C-alpha cells in the first residue's frame, strides 16, 4: 500500500475540442491513488474562471481565497472514484494539489 500523501492526488486535464461561448472547453479529473481517503482537498487555482457552470459541490473557490479551490465540497475523495468536472475559458488553468486530510481506517 505504501504511505499516502498529497502526491497520491493527481489532476489530469484535457481539451475536449468543443467551444462554449467562444471559450475552449476542458475536462478535469482528480484522482486519488491511495487506499486511504483524502478529504478537504484544496487545489491551487490561480486565474480560474469559466463561462460554463461548474457544480460548486464538485469544485469551487474557497470563500475569501482567490487562488485556492476545494474539490468535492470538502468530502472525501476515494481511490477508484475520481471527481470530474468541465470548465470553459481562454486557456487551461494550472490546478495542483495544495493540501488534504488523509484518513485511513
PDB file of N, CA and C in Angstrom:
ATOM      1  N   UNK A   1       0.829  -1.183   0.000  1.00  0.00           N
ATOM      2  CA  UNK A   1       0.000   0.000   0.000  1.00  0.00           C
ATOM      3  C   UNK A   1       0.875   1.248   0.000  1.00  0.00           C
ATOM      4  N   UNK A   2       1.936   1.285   0.745  1.00  0.00           N
ATOM      5  CA  UNK A   2       2.786   2.458   0.791  1.00  0.00           C
ATOM      6  C   UNK A   2       2.174   3.555   1.640  1.00  0.00           C
ATOM      7  N   UNK A   3       2.932   4.598   1.801  1.00  0.00           N
ATOM      8  CA  UNK A   3       2.465   5.731   2.597  1.00  0.00           C
ATOM      9  C   UNK A   3       1.691   6.688   1.700  1.00  0.00           C
ATOM     10  N   UNK A   4       0.552   7.106   2.195  1.00  0.00           N
ATOM     11  CA  UNK A   4      -0.271   8.051   1.446  1.00  0.00           C
ATOM     12  C   UNK A   4       0.164   9.472   1.769  1.00  0.00           C
ATOM     13  N   UNK A   5       0.160  10.313   0.754  1.00  0.00           N
ATOM     14  CA  UNK A   5       0.451  11.725   0.950  1.00  0.00           C
ATOM     15  C   UNK A   5      -0.195  12.525  -0.169  1.00  0.00           C
ATOM     16  N   UNK A   6       0.074  13.796  -0.189  1.00  0.00           N
ATOM     17  CA  UNK A   6      -0.545  14.664  -1.180  1.00  0.00           C
ATOM     18  C   UNK A   6      -0.166  14.278  -2.609  1.00  0.00           C
ATOM     19  N   UNK A   7       1.007  13.662  -2.770  1.00  0.00           N
ATOM     20  CA  UNK A   7       1.413  13.255  -4.120  1.00  0.00           C
ATOM     21  C   UNK A   7       0.582  12.080  -4.637  1.00  0.00           C
ATOM     22  N   UNK A   8      -0.265  11.501  -3.773  1.00  0.00           N
ATOM     23  CA  UNK A   8      -1.199  10.459  -4.222  1.00  0.00           C
ATOM     24  C   UNK A   8      -2.366  11.061  -5.010  1.00  0.00           C
ATOM     25  N   UNK A   9      -2.482  12.378  -4.990  1.00  0.00           N
ATOM     26  CA  UNK A   9      -3.530  13.075  -5.736  1.00  0.00           C
ATOM     27  C   UNK A   9      -2.957  13.520  -7.075  1.00  0.00           C
ATOM     28  N   UNK A  10      -3.645  13.196  -8.154  1.00  0.00           N
ATOM     29  CA  UNK A  10      -3.245  13.698  -9.467  1.00  0.00           C
ATOM     30  C   UNK A  10      -4.413  14.453 -10.088  1.00  0.00           C
ATOM     31  N   UNK A  11      -4.064  15.474 -10.839  1.00  0.00           N
ATOM     32  CA  UNK A  11      -5.057  16.289 -11.532  1.00  0.00           C
ATOM     33  C   UNK A  11      -4.749  16.197 -13.019  1.00  0.00           C
ATOM     34  N   UNK A  12      -5.664  15.601 -13.762  1.00  0.00           N
ATOM     35  CA  UNK A  12      -5.489  15.441 -15.201  1.00  0.00           C
ATOM     36  C   UNK A  12      -6.453  16.376 -15.916  1.00  0.00           C
ATOM     37  N   UNK A  13      -5.945  17.055 -16.931  1.00  0.00           N
ATOM     38  CA  UNK A  13      -6.790  17.943 -17.732  1.00  0.00           C
ATOM     39  C   UNK A  13      -6.614  17.615 -19.197  1.00  0.00           C
ATOM     40  N   UNK A  14      -7.711  17.755 -19.932  1.00  0.00           N
ATOM     41  CA  UNK A  14      -7.616  17.577 -21.375  1.00  0.00           C
ATOM     42  C   UNK A  14      -8.584  18.529 -22.062  1.00  0.00           C
ATOM     43  N   UNK A  15      -8.194  18.940 -23.252  1.00  0.00           N
ATOM     44  CA  UNK A  15      -9.050  19.770 -24.078  1.00  0.00           C
ATOM     45  C   UNK A  15     -10.066  18.869 -24.753  1.00  0.00           C
ATOM     46  N   UNK A  16     -11.316  19.281 -24.734  1.00  0.00           N
ATOM     47  CA  UNK A  16     -12.373  18.459 -25.317  1.00  0.00           C
ATOM     48  C   UNK A  16     -12.631  18.784 -26.782  1.00  0.00           C
ATOM     49  N   UNK A  17     -12.053  19.865 -27.277  1.00  0.00           N
ATOM     50  CA  UNK A  17     -12.254  20.225 -28.677  1.00  0.00           C
ATOM     51  C   UNK A  17     -13.582  20.928 -28.938  1.00  0.00           C
ATOM     52  N   UNK A  18     -14.286  21.267 -27.879  1.00  0.00           N
ATOM     53  CA  UNK A  18     -15.547  21.995 -28.003  1.00  0.00           C
ATOM     54  C   UNK A  18     -15.324  23.449 -27.615  1.00  0.00           C
ATOM     55  N   UNK A  19     -16.221  24.309 -28.084  1.00  0.00           N
ATOM     56  CA  UNK A  19     -16.187  25.722 -27.732  1.00  0.00           C
ATOM     57  C   UNK A  19     -17.502  26.067 -27.053  1.00  0.00           C
ATOM     58  N   UNK A  20     -17.421  26.715 -25.894  1.00  0.00           N
ATOM     59  CA  UNK A  20     -18.596  27.143 -25.134  1.00  0.00           C
ATOM     60  C   UNK A  20     -18.517  28.660 -24.996  1.00  0.00           C
ATOM     61  N   UNK A  21     -19.477  29.357 -25.552  1.00  0.00           N
ATOM     62  CA  UNK A  21     -19.485  30.832 -25.508  1.00  0.00           C
ATOM     63  C   UNK A  21     -18.144  31.425 -25.937  1.00  0.00           C
ATOM     64  N   UNK A  22     -17.557  30.858 -26.972  1.00  0.00           N
ATOM     65  CA  UNK A  22     -16.306  31.370 -27.511  1.00  0.00           C
ATOM     66  C   UNK A  22     -15.055  30.947 -26.769  1.00  0.00           C
ATOM     67  N   UNK A  23     -15.191  30.081 -25.770  1.00  0.00           N
ATOM     68  CA  UNK A  23     -14.046  29.630 -24.964  1.00  0.00           C
ATOM     69  C   UNK A  23     -13.839  28.127 -25.147  1.00  0.00           C
ATOM     70  N   UNK A  24     -12.583  27.705 -25.110  1.00  0.00           N
ATOM     71  CA  UNK A  24     -12.268  26.276 -25.209  1.00  0.00           C
ATOM     72  C   UNK A  24     -12.757  25.544 -23.962  1.00  0.00           C
ATOM     73  N   UNK A  25     -13.273  24.323 -24.156  1.00  0.00           N
ATOM     74  CA  UNK A  25     -13.768  23.526 -23.026  1.00  0.00           C
ATOM     75  C   UNK A  25     -12.713  22.507 -22.605  1.00  0.00           C
ATOM     76  N   UNK A  26     -12.546  22.382 -21.293  1.00  0.00           N
ATOM     77  CA  UNK A  26     -11.582  21.453 -20.706  1.00  0.00           C
ATOM     78  C   UNK A  26     -12.299  20.521 -19.742  1.00  0.00           C
ATOM     79  N   UNK A  27     -11.776  19.297 -19.641  1.00  0.00           N
ATOM     80  CA  UNK A  27     -12.267  18.359 -18.633  1.00  0.00           C
ATOM     81  C   UNK A  27     -11.152  18.135 -17.622  1.00  0.00           C
ATOM     82  N   UNK A  28     -11.516  18.162 -16.350  1.00  0.00           N
ATOM     83  CA  UNK A  28     -10.572  17.940 -15.258  1.00  0.00           C
ATOM     84  C   UNK A  28     -10.997  16.683 -14.517  1.00  0.00           C
ATOM     85  N   UNK A  29     -10.039  15.799 -14.246  1.00  0.00           N
ATOM     86  CA  UNK A  29     -10.291  14.600 -13.452  1.00  0.00           C
ATOM     87  C   UNK A  29      -9.289  14.592 -12.301  1.00  0.00           C
ATOM     88  N   UNK A  30      -9.819  14.537 -11.082  1.00  0.00           N
ATOM     89  CA  UNK A  30      -8.987  14.493  -9.876  1.00  0.00           C
ATOM     90  C   UNK A  30      -9.024  13.068  -9.349  1.00  0.00           C
ATOM     91  N   UNK A  31      -7.840  12.449  -9.238  1.00  0.00           N
ATOM     92  CA  UNK A  31      -7.727  11.049  -8.833  1.00  0.00           C
ATOM     93  C   UNK A  31      -6.935  10.917  -7.545  1.00  0.00           C
ATOM     94  N   UNK A  32      -7.340   9.965  -6.722  1.00  0.00           N
ATOM     95  CA  UNK A  32      -6.615   9.615  -5.504  1.00  0.00           C
ATOM     96  C   UNK A  32      -6.097   8.192  -5.690  1.00  0.00           C
ATOM     97  N   UNK A  33      -4.787   8.022  -5.779  1.00  0.00           N
ATOM     98  CA  UNK A  33      -4.206   6.692  -5.987  1.00  0.00           C
ATOM     99  C   UNK A  33      -3.938   5.963  -4.676  1.00  0.00           C
ATOM    100  N   UNK A  34      -4.277   6.579  -3.556  1.00  0.00           N
ATOM    101  CA  UNK A  34      -4.034   5.999  -2.236  1.00  0.00           C
ATOM    102  C   UNK A  34      -5.251   5.208  -1.759  1.00  0.00           C
ATOM    103  N   UNK A  35      -5.032   4.132  -1.042  1.00  0.00           N
ATOM    104  CA  UNK A  35      -6.110   3.327  -0.470  1.00  0.00           C
ATOM    105  C   UNK A  35      -6.892   4.123   0.581  1.00  0.00           C
ATOM    106  N   UNK A  36      -6.237   5.107   1.188  1.00  0.00           N
ATOM    107  CA  UNK A  36      -6.885   5.956   2.199  1.00  0.00           C
ATOM    108  C   UNK A  36      -7.601   7.121   1.516  1.00  0.00           C
ATOM    109  N   UNK A  37      -8.714   7.532   2.088  1.00  0.00           N
ATOM    110  CA  UNK A  37      -9.436   8.670   1.516  1.00  0.00           C
ATOM    111  C   UNK A  37      -8.698   9.970   1.830  1.00  0.00           C
ATOM    112  N   UNK A  38      -8.936  10.970   1.009  1.00  0.00           N
ATOM    113  CA  UNK A  38      -8.376  12.300   1.238  1.00  0.00           C
ATOM    114  C   UNK A  38      -9.521  13.303   1.150  1.00  0.00           C
ATOM    115  N   UNK A  39      -9.763  13.995   2.250  1.00  0.00           N
ATOM    116  CA  UNK A  39     -10.845  14.980   2.299  1.00  0.00           C
ATOM    117  C   UNK A  39     -10.257  16.380   2.448  1.00  0.00           C
ATOM    118  N   UNK A  40     -11.136  17.375   2.428  1.00  0.00           N
ATOM    119  CA  UNK A  40     -10.709  18.781   2.499  1.00  0.00           C
ATOM    120  C   UNK A  40      -9.596  19.057   1.491  1.00  0.00           C
ATOM    121  N   UNK A  41      -9.758  18.497   0.294  1.00  0.00           N
ATOM    122  CA  UNK A  41      -8.738  18.611  -0.745  1.00  0.00           C
ATOM    123  C   UNK A  41      -8.791  19.991  -1.392  1.00  0.00           C
ATOM    124  N   UNK A  42      -7.686  20.707  -1.270  1.00  0.00           N
ATOM    125  CA  UNK A  42      -7.562  22.033  -1.871  1.00  0.00           C
ATOM    126  C   UNK A  42      -6.569  21.987  -3.021  1.00  0.00           C
ATOM    127  N   UNK A  43      -6.912  22.688  -4.098  1.00  0.00           N
ATOM    128  CA  UNK A  43      -6.026  22.835  -5.248  1.00  0.00           C
ATOM    129  C   UNK A  43      -5.690  24.301  -5.427  1.00  0.00           C
ATOM    130  N   UNK A  44      -4.472  24.563  -5.901  1.00  0.00           N
ATOM    131  CA  UNK A  44      -4.177  25.924  -6.331  1.00  0.00           C
ATOM    132  C   UNK A  44      -4.958  26.135  -7.624  1.00  0.00           C
ATOM    133  N   UNK A  45      -5.538  27.313  -7.777  1.00  0.00           N
ATOM    134  CA  UNK A  45      -6.376  27.555  -8.959  1.00  0.00           C
ATOM    135  C   UNK A  45      -6.279  29.010  -9.393  1.00  0.00           C
ATOM    136  N   UNK A  46      -5.092  29.573  -9.304  1.00  0.00           N
ATOM    137  CA  UNK A  46      -4.882  30.981  -9.667  1.00  0.00           C
ATOM    138  C   UNK A  46      -5.393  31.228 -11.088  1.00  0.00           C
ATOM    139  N   UNK A  47      -6.243  32.230 -11.216  1.00  0.00           N
ATOM    140  CA  UNK A  47      -6.773  32.596 -12.525  1.00  0.00           C
ATOM    141  C   UNK A  47      -7.966  31.778 -12.976  1.00  0.00           C
ATOM    142  N   UNK A  48      -8.457  30.874 -12.116  1.00  0.00           N
ATOM    143  CA  UNK A  48      -9.576  30.030 -12.546  1.00  0.00           C
ATOM    144  C   UNK A  48     -10.823  30.873 -12.769  1.00  0.00           C
ATOM    145  N   UNK A  49     -11.435  30.647 -13.914  1.00  0.00           N
ATOM    146  CA  UNK A  49     -12.701  31.256 -14.260  1.00  0.00           C
ATOM    147  C   UNK A  49     -13.345  30.360 -15.299  1.00  0.00           C
ATOM    148  N   UNK A  50     -14.625  30.521 -15.526  1.00  0.00           N
ATOM    149  CA  UNK A  50     -15.307  29.685 -16.500  1.00  0.00           C
ATOM    150  C   UNK A  50     -16.587  30.356 -16.968  1.00  0.00           C
ATOM    151  N   UNK A  51     -16.912  30.141 -18.234  1.00  0.00           N
ATOM    152  CA  UNK A  51     -18.206  30.589 -18.756  1.00  0.00           C
ATOM    153  C   UNK A  51     -19.206  29.441 -18.724  1.00  0.00           C
ATOM    154  N   UNK A  52     -18.726  28.267 -18.367  1.00  0.00           N
ATOM    155  CA  UNK A  52     -19.571  27.071 -18.258  1.00  0.00           C
ATOM    156  C   UNK A  52     -19.798  26.799 -16.770  1.00  0.00           C
ATOM    157  N   UNK A  53     -21.043  26.696 -16.323  1.00  0.00           N
ATOM    158  CA  UNK A  53     -21.287  26.464 -14.895  1.00  0.00           C
ATOM    159  C   UNK A  53     -20.611  25.185 -14.390  1.00  0.00           C
ATOM    160  N   UNK A  54     -20.020  25.283 -13.201  1.00  0.00           N
ATOM    161  CA  UNK A  54     -19.430  24.131 -12.522  1.00  0.00           C
ATOM    162  C   UNK A  54     -20.195  23.951 -11.215  1.00  0.00           C
ATOM    163  N   UNK A  55     -20.632  22.729 -10.951  1.00  0.00           N
ATOM    164  CA  UNK A  55     -21.358  22.433  -9.716  1.00  0.00           C
ATOM    165  C   UNK A  55     -20.454  22.745  -8.522  1.00  0.00           C
ATOM    166  N   UNK A  56     -20.846  23.678  -7.646  1.00  0.00           N
ATOM    167  CA  UNK A  56     -19.997  24.020  -6.500  1.00  0.00           C
ATOM    168  C   UNK A  56     -19.814  22.865  -5.518  1.00  0.00           C
ATOM    169  N   UNK A  57     -20.645  21.831  -5.596  1.00  0.00           N
ATOM    170  CA  UNK A  57     -20.449  20.640  -4.769  1.00  0.00           C
ATOM    171  C   UNK A  57     -19.270  19.807  -5.281  1.00  0.00           C
ATOM    172  N   UNK A  58     -18.861  20.044  -6.529  1.00  0.00           N
ATOM    173  CA  UNK A  58     -17.767  19.298  -7.149  1.00  0.00           C
ATOM    174  C   UNK A  58     -16.459  20.087  -7.100  1.00  0.00           C
ATOM    175  N   UNK A  59     -16.536  21.387  -7.426  1.00  0.00           N
ATOM    176  CA  UNK A  59     -15.327  22.212  -7.488  1.00  0.00           C
ATOM    177  C   UNK A  59     -15.718  23.675  -7.359  1.00  0.00           C
ATOM    178  N   UNK A  60     -14.998  24.410  -6.517  1.00  0.00           N
ATOM    179  CA  UNK A  60     -15.273  25.834  -6.384  1.00  0.00           C
ATOM    180  C   UNK A  60     -14.205  26.540  -5.582  1.00  0.00           C
ATOM    181  N   UNK A  61     -14.184  27.849  -5.710  1.00  0.00           N
ATOM    182  CA  UNK A  61     -13.214  28.648  -4.963  1.00  0.00           C
ATOM    183  C   UNK A  61     -13.549  28.630  -3.479  1.00  0.00           C
ATOM    184  N   UNK A  62     -12.502  28.624  -2.661  1.00  0.00           N
ATOM    185  CA  UNK A  62     -12.649  28.711  -1.210  1.00  0.00           C
ATOM    186  C   UNK A  62     -13.062  30.144  -0.889  1.00  0.00           C
ATOM    187  N   UNK A  63     -14.056  30.305  -0.032  1.00  0.00           N
ATOM    188  CA  UNK A  63     -14.521  31.643   0.349  1.00  0.00           C
ATOM    189  C   UNK A  63     -13.360  32.507   0.825  1.00  0.00           C
ATOM    190  N   UNK A  64     -13.248  33.687   0.247  1.00  0.00           N
ATOM    191  CA  UNK A  64     -12.214  34.627   0.661  1.00  0.00           C
ATOM    192  C   UNK A  64     -10.839  34.360   0.074  1.00  0.00           C
ATOM    193  N   UNK A  65     -10.708  33.328  -0.751  1.00  0.00           N
ATOM    194  CA  UNK A  65      -9.412  32.973  -1.341  1.00  0.00           C
ATOM    195  C   UNK A  65      -9.519  33.014  -2.862  1.00  0.00           C
ATOM    196  N   UNK A  66      -8.667  33.781  -3.502  1.00  0.00           N
ATOM    197  CA  UNK A  66      -8.681  33.866  -4.961  1.00  0.00           C
ATOM    198  C   UNK A  66      -7.930  32.708  -5.618  1.00  0.00           C
ATOM    199  N   UNK A  67      -6.946  32.150  -4.914  1.00  0.00           N
ATOM    200  CA  UNK A  67      -6.043  31.180  -5.529  1.00  0.00           C
ATOM    201  C   UNK A  67      -6.217  29.756  -5.022  1.00  0.00           C
ATOM    202  N   UNK A  68      -7.240  29.495  -4.193  1.00  0.00           N
ATOM    203  CA  UNK A  68      -7.466  28.152  -3.661  1.00  0.00           C
ATOM    204  C   UNK A  68      -8.882  27.699  -3.986  1.00  0.00           C
ATOM    205  N   UNK A  69      -8.978  26.457  -4.452  1.00  0.00           N
ATOM    206  CA  UNK A  69     -10.277  25.867  -4.768  1.00  0.00           C
ATOM    207  C   UNK A  69     -10.422  24.546  -4.027  1.00  0.00           C
ATOM    208  N   UNK A  70     -11.659  24.211  -3.696  1.00  0.00           N
ATOM    209  CA  UNK A  70     -11.945  22.981  -2.960  1.00  0.00           C
ATOM    210  C   UNK A  70     -12.587  21.962  -3.902  1.00  0.00           C
ATOM    211  N   UNK A  71     -12.197  20.713  -3.722  1.00  0.00           N
ATOM    212  CA  UNK A  71     -12.715  19.600  -4.520  1.00  0.00           C
ATOM    213  C   UNK A  71     -13.734  18.826  -3.698  1.00  0.00           C
ATOM    214  N   UNK A  72     -14.855  18.496  -4.302  1.00  0.00           N
ATOM    215  CA  UNK A  72     -15.864  17.619  -3.686  1.00  0.00           C
ATOM    216  C   UNK A  72     -16.460  18.216  -2.410  1.00  0.00           C
ATOM    217  N   UNK A  73     -16.493  19.559  -2.330  1.00  0.00           N
ATOM    218  CA  UNK A  73     -17.087  20.262  -1.187  1.00  0.00           C
ATOM    219  C   UNK A  73     -16.545  19.759   0.160  1.00  0.00           C
ATOM    220  N   UNK A  74     -15.243  19.521   0.215  1.00  0.00           N
ATOM    221  CA  UNK A  74     -14.521  19.062   1.414  1.00  0.00           C
ATOM    222  C   UNK A  74     -14.765  17.591   1.749  1.00  0.00           C
ATOM    223  N   UNK A  75     -15.650  16.916   1.031  1.00  0.00           N
ATOM    224  CA  UNK A  75     -15.933  15.498   1.290  1.00  0.00           C
ATOM    225  C   UNK A  75     -14.769  14.642   0.781  1.00  0.00           C
ATOM    226  N   UNK A  76     -14.667  13.393   1.255  1.00  0.00           N
ATOM    227  CA  UNK A  76     -13.542  12.542   0.852  1.00  0.00           C
ATOM    228  C   UNK A  76     -13.518  12.227  -0.641  1.00  0.00           C
ATOM    229  N   UNK A  77     -12.302  12.130  -1.150  1.00  0.00           N
ATOM    230  CA  UNK A  77     -12.059  11.615  -2.492  1.00  0.00           C
ATOM    231  C   UNK A  77     -11.441  10.239  -2.282  1.00  0.00           C
ATOM    232  N   UNK A  78     -12.093   9.211  -2.814  1.00  0.00           N
ATOM    233  CA  UNK A  78     -11.670   7.833  -2.592  1.00  0.00           C
ATOM    234  C   UNK A  78     -10.924   7.284  -3.799  1.00  0.00           C
ATOM    235  N   UNK A  79     -10.044   6.329  -3.530  1.00  0.00           N
ATOM    236  CA  UNK A  79      -9.360   5.620  -4.600  1.00  0.00           C
ATOM    237  C   UNK A  79     -10.411   4.956  -5.481  1.00  0.00           C
ATOM    238  N   UNK A  80     -10.245   5.061  -6.782  1.00  0.00           N
ATOM    239  CA  UNK A  80     -11.173   4.422  -7.711  1.00  0.00           C
ATOM    240  C   UNK A  80     -12.450   5.206  -7.975  1.00  0.00           C
ATOM    241  N   UNK A  81     -12.624   6.344  -7.306  1.00  0.00           N
ATOM    242  CA  UNK A  81     -13.795   7.207  -7.514  1.00  0.00           C
ATOM    243  C   UNK A  81     -13.336   8.625  -7.836  1.00  0.00           C
ATOM    244  N   UNK A  82     -12.889   8.849  -9.061  1.00  0.00           N
ATOM    245  CA  UNK A  82     -12.395  10.179  -9.409  1.00  0.00           C
ATOM    246  C   UNK A  82     -13.502  11.231  -9.375  1.00  0.00           C
ATOM    247  N   UNK A  83     -13.097  12.457  -9.175  1.00  0.00           N
ATOM    248  CA  UNK A  83     -14.001  13.604  -9.218  1.00  0.00           C
ATOM    249  C   UNK A  83     -13.711  14.329 -10.530  1.00  0.00           C
ATOM    250  N   UNK A  84     -14.748  14.575 -11.322  1.00  0.00           N
ATOM    251  CA  UNK A  84     -14.554  15.182 -12.638  1.00  0.00           C
ATOM    252  C   UNK A  84     -15.494  16.367 -12.834  1.00  0.00           C
ATOM    253  N   UNK A  85     -15.011  17.328 -13.589  1.00  0.00           N
ATOM    254  CA  UNK A  85     -15.838  18.473 -13.969  1.00  0.00           C
ATOM    255  C   UNK A  85     -15.274  19.076 -15.251  1.00  0.00           C
ATOM    256  N   UNK A  86     -16.071  19.944 -15.858  1.00  0.00           N
ATOM    257  CA  UNK A  86     -15.658  20.643 -17.070  1.00  0.00           C
ATOM    258  C   UNK A  86     -15.733  22.147 -16.833  1.00  0.00           C
ATOM    259  N   UNK A  87     -14.850  22.861 -17.508  1.00  0.00           N
ATOM    260  CA  UNK A  87     -14.916  24.321 -17.493  1.00  0.00           C
ATOM    261  C   UNK A  87     -14.527  24.831 -18.873  1.00  0.00           C
ATOM    262  N   UNK A  88     -14.877  26.070 -19.155  1.00  0.00           N
ATOM    263  CA  UNK A  88     -14.547  26.679 -20.444  1.00  0.00           C
ATOM    264  C   UNK A  88     -13.951  28.059 -20.198  1.00  0.00           C
ATOM    265  N   UNK A  89     -12.739  28.249 -20.761  1.00  0.00           N
ATOM    266  CA  UNK A  89     -12.061  29.529 -20.574  1.00  0.00           C
ATOM    267  C   UNK A  89     -11.063  29.734 -21.701  1.00  0.00           C
ATOM    268  N   UNK A  90     -10.407  30.897 -21.700  1.00  0.00           N
ATOM    269  CA  UNK A  90      -9.454  31.240 -22.757  1.00  0.00           C
ATOM    270  C   UNK A  90      -8.275  30.280 -22.818  1.00  0.00           C
ATOM    271  N   UNK A  91      -7.904  29.765 -21.664  1.00  0.00           N
ATOM    272  CA  UNK A  91      -6.724  28.894 -21.587  1.00  0.00           C
ATOM    273  C   UNK A  91      -6.911  27.882 -20.464  1.00  0.00           C
ATOM    274  N   UNK A  92      -6.094  26.854 -20.520  1.00  0.00           N
ATOM    275  CA  UNK A  92      -6.095  25.855 -19.452  1.00  0.00           C
ATOM    276  C   UNK A  92      -5.465  26.481 -18.212  1.00  0.00           C
ATOM    277  N   UNK A  93      -6.104  26.291 -17.071  1.00  0.00           N
ATOM    278  CA  UNK A  93      -5.621  26.834 -15.804  1.00  0.00           C
ATOM    279  C   UNK A  93      -4.836  25.750 -15.069  1.00  0.00           C
ATOM    280  N   UNK A  94      -3.670  26.109 -14.541  1.00  0.00           N
ATOM    281  CA  UNK A  94      -2.886  25.140 -13.770  1.00  0.00           C
ATOM    282  C   UNK A  94      -3.596  24.855 -12.449  1.00  0.00           C
ATOM    283  N   UNK A  95      -3.884  23.592 -12.222  1.00  0.00           N
ATOM    284  CA  UNK A  95      -4.519  23.134 -10.985  1.00  0.00           C
ATOM    285  C   UNK A  95      -3.583  22.109 -10.354  1.00  0.00           C
ATOM    286  N   UNK A  96      -3.149  22.377  -9.126  1.00  0.00           N
ATOM    287  CA  UNK A  96      -2.263  21.410  -8.468  1.00  0.00           C
ATOM    288  C   UNK A  96      -2.651  21.282  -7.001  1.00  0.00           C
ATOM    289  N   UNK A  97      -2.460  20.092  -6.429  1.00  0.00           N
ATOM    290  CA  UNK A  97      -2.827  19.863  -5.028  1.00  0.00           C
ATOM    291  C   UNK A  97      -2.034  20.756  -4.075  1.00  0.00           C
ATOM    292  N   UNK A  98      -2.754  21.329  -3.104  1.00  0.00           N
ATOM    293  CA  UNK A  98      -2.133  22.146  -2.061  1.00  0.00           C
ATOM    294  C   UNK A  98      -2.148  21.453  -0.707  1.00  0.00           C
ATOM    295  N   UNK A  99      -3.301  20.869  -0.350  1.00  0.00           N
ATOM    296  CA  UNK A  99      -3.414  20.225   0.960  1.00  0.00           C
ATOM    297  C   UNK A  99      -4.611  19.290   0.979  1.00  0.00           C
ATOM    298  N   UNK A 100      -4.586  18.358   1.928  1.00  0.00           N
ATOM    299  CA  UNK A 100      -5.708  17.442   2.137  1.00  0.00           C
ATOM    300  C   UNK A 100      -5.588  16.840   3.532  1.00  0.00           C
ATOM    301  N   UNK A 101      -6.658  16.198   3.962  1.00  0.00           N
ATOM    302  CA  UNK A 101      -6.667  15.456   5.222  1.00  0.00           C
ATOM    303  C   UNK A 101      -6.785  13.981   4.858  1.00  0.00           C
ATOM    304  N   UNK A 102      -5.780  13.200   5.234  1.00  0.00           N
ATOM    305  CA  UNK A 102      -5.739  11.774   4.891  1.00  0.00           C
ATOM    306  C   UNK A 102      -6.348  10.967   6.027  1.00  0.00           C
ATOM    307  N   UNK A 103      -7.262  10.067   5.666  1.00  0.00           N
ATOM    308  CA  UNK A 103      -7.946   9.234   6.670  1.00  0.00           C
ATOM    309  C   UNK A 103      -7.826   7.767   6.295  1.00  0.00           C
ATOM    310  N   UNK A 104      -7.162   7.007   7.156  1.00  0.00           N
ATOM    311  CA  UNK A 104      -7.048   5.559   6.969  1.00  0.00           C
ATOM    312  C   UNK A 104      -7.768   4.867   8.121  1.00  0.00           C
ATOM    313  N   UNK A 105      -8.499   3.795   7.793  1.00  0.00           N
ATOM    314  CA  UNK A 105      -9.190   3.075   8.873  1.00  0.00           C
ATOM    315  C   UNK A 105      -8.941   1.592   8.755  1.00  0.00           C
TER     316      UNK A 105
END
